[in-house]
């Protein structure tokens, strides 16, 4: 199990893969991750988009497939200027 305080100390990480961990919520990130470019959390139990992902400014690839998220209309992707389709 990943503890929230462990996520707040990973300043150099570029890839995050939390796939298939039965996560239903994502902890609020208190710090900005200056280098995360790839984030995947597929195959979990998210029903809402983890809004704290908006703090990952250099993010290029995001994969939240195989979750229970059914709408993204309250999500502001304008903060993620490097995100690729």
N, C-alpha and C. Protein backbone atom coordinates (compact mmCIF):
# COMPACT_ATOMS: atom_id res chain seq x y z
N UNK A 1 0.84 -1.18 0.00
CA UNK A 1 0.00 0.00 0.00
C UNK A 1 0.88 1.24 0.00
N UNK A 2 0.57 2.16 -0.86
CA UNK A 2 1.33 3.41 -0.96
C UNK A 2 0.73 4.41 0.02
N UNK A 3 1.58 5.00 0.82
CA UNK A 3 1.13 6.01 1.78
C UNK A 3 1.27 7.39 1.16
N UNK A 4 0.35 8.28 1.51
CA UNK A 4 0.32 9.61 0.92
C UNK A 4 1.64 10.35 1.11
N UNK A 5 2.24 10.28 2.27
CA UNK A 5 3.49 11.00 2.49
C UNK A 5 4.64 10.46 1.63
N UNK A 6 4.57 9.22 1.19
CA UNK A 6 5.59 8.68 0.30
C UNK A 6 5.52 9.32 -1.08
N UNK A 7 4.33 9.68 -1.53
CA UNK A 7 4.18 10.31 -2.83
C UNK A 7 4.68 11.75 -2.83
N UNK A 8 4.69 12.39 -1.68
CA UNK A 8 5.08 13.80 -1.61
C UNK A 8 6.59 14.02 -1.63
N UNK A 9 7.39 12.98 -1.66
CA UNK A 9 8.84 13.13 -1.62
C UNK A 9 9.54 12.62 -2.86
N UNK A 10 8.85 12.47 -3.94
CA UNK A 10 9.44 11.89 -5.15
C UNK A 10 9.67 12.98 -6.20
N UNK A 11 10.58 13.89 -5.96
CA UNK A 11 10.79 15.04 -6.82
C UNK A 11 11.42 14.71 -8.17
N UNK A 12 12.19 13.65 -8.26
CA UNK A 12 12.92 13.35 -9.48
C UNK A 12 12.21 12.37 -10.40
N UNK A 13 11.11 11.83 -10.00
CA UNK A 13 10.45 10.77 -10.76
C UNK A 13 9.83 11.32 -12.04
N UNK A 14 9.94 10.56 -13.13
CA UNK A 14 9.38 10.95 -14.42
C UNK A 14 8.21 10.07 -14.84
N UNK A 15 8.16 8.84 -14.33
CA UNK A 15 7.08 7.92 -14.69
C UNK A 15 6.41 7.40 -13.43
N UNK A 16 5.08 7.43 -13.45
CA UNK A 16 4.30 6.89 -12.33
C UNK A 16 3.34 5.87 -12.90
N UNK A 17 3.37 4.66 -12.35
CA UNK A 17 2.45 3.61 -12.76
C UNK A 17 1.78 3.03 -11.52
N UNK A 18 0.52 3.35 -11.34
CA UNK A 18 -0.27 2.86 -10.21
C UNK A 18 -1.36 1.91 -10.69
N UNK A 19 -1.12 1.25 -11.82
CA UNK A 19 -2.12 0.39 -12.44
C UNK A 19 -2.44 -0.83 -11.59
N UNK A 20 -3.71 -1.23 -11.67
CA UNK A 20 -4.21 -2.47 -11.05
C UNK A 20 -3.90 -2.56 -9.55
N UNK A 21 -4.19 -1.49 -8.83
CA UNK A 21 -3.96 -1.45 -7.38
C UNK A 21 -5.25 -1.28 -6.58
N UNK A 22 -6.40 -1.40 -7.25
CA UNK A 22 -7.70 -1.27 -6.59
C UNK A 22 -7.88 0.08 -5.90
N UNK A 23 -7.27 1.12 -6.47
CA UNK A 23 -7.40 2.47 -5.91
C UNK A 23 -8.76 3.05 -6.28
N UNK A 24 -9.41 3.69 -5.32
CA UNK A 24 -10.69 4.34 -5.61
C UNK A 24 -10.57 5.85 -5.48
N UNK A 25 -9.50 6.31 -4.88
CA UNK A 25 -9.25 7.75 -4.79
C UNK A 25 -7.75 7.97 -4.86
N UNK A 26 -7.41 9.16 -5.23
CA UNK A 26 -6.01 9.51 -5.38
C UNK A 26 -5.69 10.58 -4.36
N UNK A 27 -4.60 10.48 -3.62
CA UNK A 27 -4.30 11.48 -2.59
C UNK A 27 -4.01 12.84 -3.21
N UNK A 28 -4.38 13.86 -2.48
CA UNK A 28 -4.07 15.23 -2.91
C UNK A 28 -2.56 15.40 -2.84
N UNK A 29 -2.00 15.94 -3.91
CA UNK A 29 -0.55 16.14 -3.94
C UNK A 29 -0.24 17.53 -3.42
N UNK A 30 0.52 17.60 -2.35
CA UNK A 30 0.84 18.87 -1.73
C UNK A 30 1.99 19.61 -2.40
N UNK A 31 2.76 18.92 -3.20
CA UNK A 31 3.88 19.54 -3.87
C UNK A 31 3.74 19.32 -5.37
N UNK A 32 4.43 20.13 -6.11
CA UNK A 32 4.43 19.95 -7.56
C UNK A 32 5.54 18.96 -7.92
N UNK A 33 5.24 18.13 -8.87
CA UNK A 33 6.22 17.17 -9.37
C UNK A 33 6.80 17.73 -10.66
N UNK A 34 7.98 18.28 -10.59
CA UNK A 34 8.50 19.01 -11.74
C UNK A 34 8.88 18.15 -12.94
N UNK A 35 8.97 16.83 -12.79
CA UNK A 35 9.48 16.01 -13.88
C UNK A 35 8.55 14.90 -14.36
N UNK A 36 7.39 14.71 -13.76
CA UNK A 36 6.52 13.61 -14.17
C UNK A 36 5.97 13.88 -15.56
N UNK A 37 6.27 12.96 -16.49
CA UNK A 37 5.83 13.08 -17.88
C UNK A 37 4.83 12.00 -18.25
N UNK A 38 4.88 10.87 -17.57
CA UNK A 38 4.02 9.74 -17.90
C UNK A 38 3.32 9.26 -16.63
N UNK A 39 2.00 9.22 -16.67
CA UNK A 39 1.23 8.78 -15.50
C UNK A 39 0.18 7.79 -15.95
N UNK A 40 0.18 6.61 -15.35
CA UNK A 40 -0.85 5.63 -15.65
C UNK A 40 -1.40 5.07 -14.35
N UNK A 41 -2.70 4.93 -14.32
CA UNK A 41 -3.39 4.34 -13.17
C UNK A 41 -4.57 3.53 -13.70
N UNK A 42 -4.32 2.80 -14.77
CA UNK A 42 -5.40 2.03 -15.38
C UNK A 42 -5.76 0.83 -14.51
N UNK A 43 -6.98 0.35 -14.71
CA UNK A 43 -7.43 -0.85 -14.01
C UNK A 43 -7.67 -0.66 -12.53
N UNK A 44 -8.03 0.53 -12.12
CA UNK A 44 -8.35 0.79 -10.73
C UNK A 44 -9.86 1.03 -10.59
N UNK A 45 -10.27 1.63 -9.50
CA UNK A 45 -11.69 1.86 -9.24
C UNK A 45 -12.05 3.34 -9.16
N UNK A 46 -11.31 4.18 -9.89
CA UNK A 46 -11.63 5.61 -9.89
C UNK A 46 -12.99 5.85 -10.52
N UNK A 47 -13.80 6.68 -9.90
CA UNK A 47 -15.08 7.09 -10.49
C UNK A 47 -15.02 8.56 -10.91
N UNK A 48 -14.02 9.27 -10.39
CA UNK A 48 -13.81 10.67 -10.76
C UNK A 48 -12.37 10.85 -11.19
N UNK A 49 -12.18 11.84 -12.04
CA UNK A 49 -10.83 12.18 -12.47
C UNK A 49 -10.05 12.72 -11.26
N UNK A 50 -8.87 12.19 -10.98
CA UNK A 50 -8.06 12.70 -9.86
C UNK A 50 -7.56 14.12 -10.17
N UNK A 51 -8.23 15.12 -9.62
CA UNK A 51 -7.96 16.51 -9.95
C UNK A 51 -6.53 16.91 -9.65
N UNK A 52 -5.90 16.26 -8.69
CA UNK A 52 -4.52 16.62 -8.35
C UNK A 52 -3.55 16.32 -9.49
N UNK A 53 -3.97 15.57 -10.48
CA UNK A 53 -3.13 15.32 -11.66
C UNK A 53 -2.86 16.64 -12.39
N UNK A 54 -3.74 17.61 -12.25
CA UNK A 54 -3.52 18.91 -12.88
C UNK A 54 -2.25 19.59 -12.39
N UNK A 55 -1.69 19.14 -11.29
CA UNK A 55 -0.44 19.71 -10.77
C UNK A 55 0.79 19.13 -11.47
N UNK A 56 0.61 18.14 -12.30
CA UNK A 56 1.73 17.53 -13.02
C UNK A 56 1.94 18.28 -14.34
N UNK A 57 2.49 19.46 -14.25
CA UNK A 57 2.60 20.37 -15.41
C UNK A 57 3.31 19.79 -16.63
N UNK A 58 4.40 19.03 -16.51
CA UNK A 58 5.06 18.52 -17.71
C UNK A 58 4.43 17.24 -18.27
N UNK A 59 3.30 16.81 -17.71
CA UNK A 59 2.68 15.55 -18.12
C UNK A 59 2.44 15.50 -19.62
N UNK A 60 2.90 14.42 -20.25
CA UNK A 60 2.73 14.22 -21.69
C UNK A 60 1.74 13.10 -21.98
N UNK A 61 1.76 12.05 -21.19
CA UNK A 61 0.89 10.90 -21.42
C UNK A 61 0.15 10.56 -20.14
N UNK A 62 -1.15 10.34 -20.28
CA UNK A 62 -2.02 10.01 -19.16
C UNK A 62 -2.90 8.84 -19.55
N UNK A 63 -2.91 7.79 -18.73
CA UNK A 63 -3.75 6.63 -19.00
C UNK A 63 -4.55 6.28 -17.76
N UNK A 64 -5.86 6.53 -17.83
CA UNK A 64 -6.79 6.18 -16.76
C UNK A 64 -7.83 5.20 -17.28
N UNK A 65 -7.46 4.44 -18.31
CA UNK A 65 -8.40 3.48 -18.89
C UNK A 65 -8.71 2.37 -17.88
N UNK A 66 -9.76 1.65 -18.15
CA UNK A 66 -10.21 0.54 -17.31
C UNK A 66 -10.56 0.98 -15.89
N UNK A 67 -11.05 2.20 -15.75
CA UNK A 67 -11.57 2.71 -14.49
C UNK A 67 -13.07 2.93 -14.66
N UNK A 68 -13.71 3.46 -13.66
CA UNK A 68 -15.15 3.68 -13.69
C UNK A 68 -15.51 5.14 -13.91
N UNK A 69 -14.58 5.90 -14.48
CA UNK A 69 -14.81 7.32 -14.75
C UNK A 69 -15.72 7.43 -15.95
N UNK A 70 -16.86 8.11 -15.78
CA UNK A 70 -17.79 8.21 -16.90
C UNK A 70 -17.89 9.62 -17.48
N UNK A 71 -17.39 10.64 -16.79
CA UNK A 71 -17.38 11.97 -17.39
C UNK A 71 -16.17 12.77 -16.95
N UNK A 72 -15.76 13.62 -17.85
CA UNK A 72 -14.62 14.49 -17.61
C UNK A 72 -15.00 15.96 -17.77
N UNK A 73 -16.30 16.27 -17.79
CA UNK A 73 -16.71 17.63 -18.11
C UNK A 73 -16.39 18.65 -17.03
N UNK A 74 -16.03 18.26 -15.83
CA UNK A 74 -15.64 19.23 -14.81
C UNK A 74 -14.12 19.32 -14.66
N UNK A 75 -13.39 18.75 -15.60
CA UNK A 75 -11.93 18.72 -15.55
C UNK A 75 -11.37 19.82 -16.45
N UNK A 76 -10.41 20.56 -15.92
CA UNK A 76 -9.75 21.61 -16.68
C UNK A 76 -8.39 21.12 -17.14
N UNK A 77 -8.31 20.73 -18.40
CA UNK A 77 -7.05 20.21 -18.95
C UNK A 77 -6.14 21.33 -19.46
N UNK A 78 -6.55 22.58 -19.35
CA UNK A 78 -5.73 23.68 -19.88
C UNK A 78 -4.41 23.84 -19.12
N UNK A 79 -4.37 23.37 -17.88
CA UNK A 79 -3.13 23.43 -17.10
C UNK A 79 -2.09 22.44 -17.64
N UNK A 80 -2.54 21.42 -18.32
CA UNK A 80 -1.64 20.36 -18.83
C UNK A 80 -1.27 20.64 -20.28
N UNK A 81 -0.45 21.60 -20.47
CA UNK A 81 -0.13 22.10 -21.81
C UNK A 81 0.69 21.11 -22.64
N UNK A 82 1.38 20.17 -22.02
CA UNK A 82 2.21 19.21 -22.75
C UNK A 82 1.51 17.89 -23.02
N UNK A 83 0.28 17.76 -22.53
CA UNK A 83 -0.45 16.51 -22.65
C UNK A 83 -0.76 16.18 -24.12
N UNK A 84 -0.42 14.97 -24.53
CA UNK A 84 -0.68 14.51 -25.88
C UNK A 84 -1.97 13.72 -25.90
N UNK A 85 -2.63 13.71 -27.05
CA UNK A 85 -3.87 12.94 -27.19
C UNK A 85 -3.61 11.47 -27.31
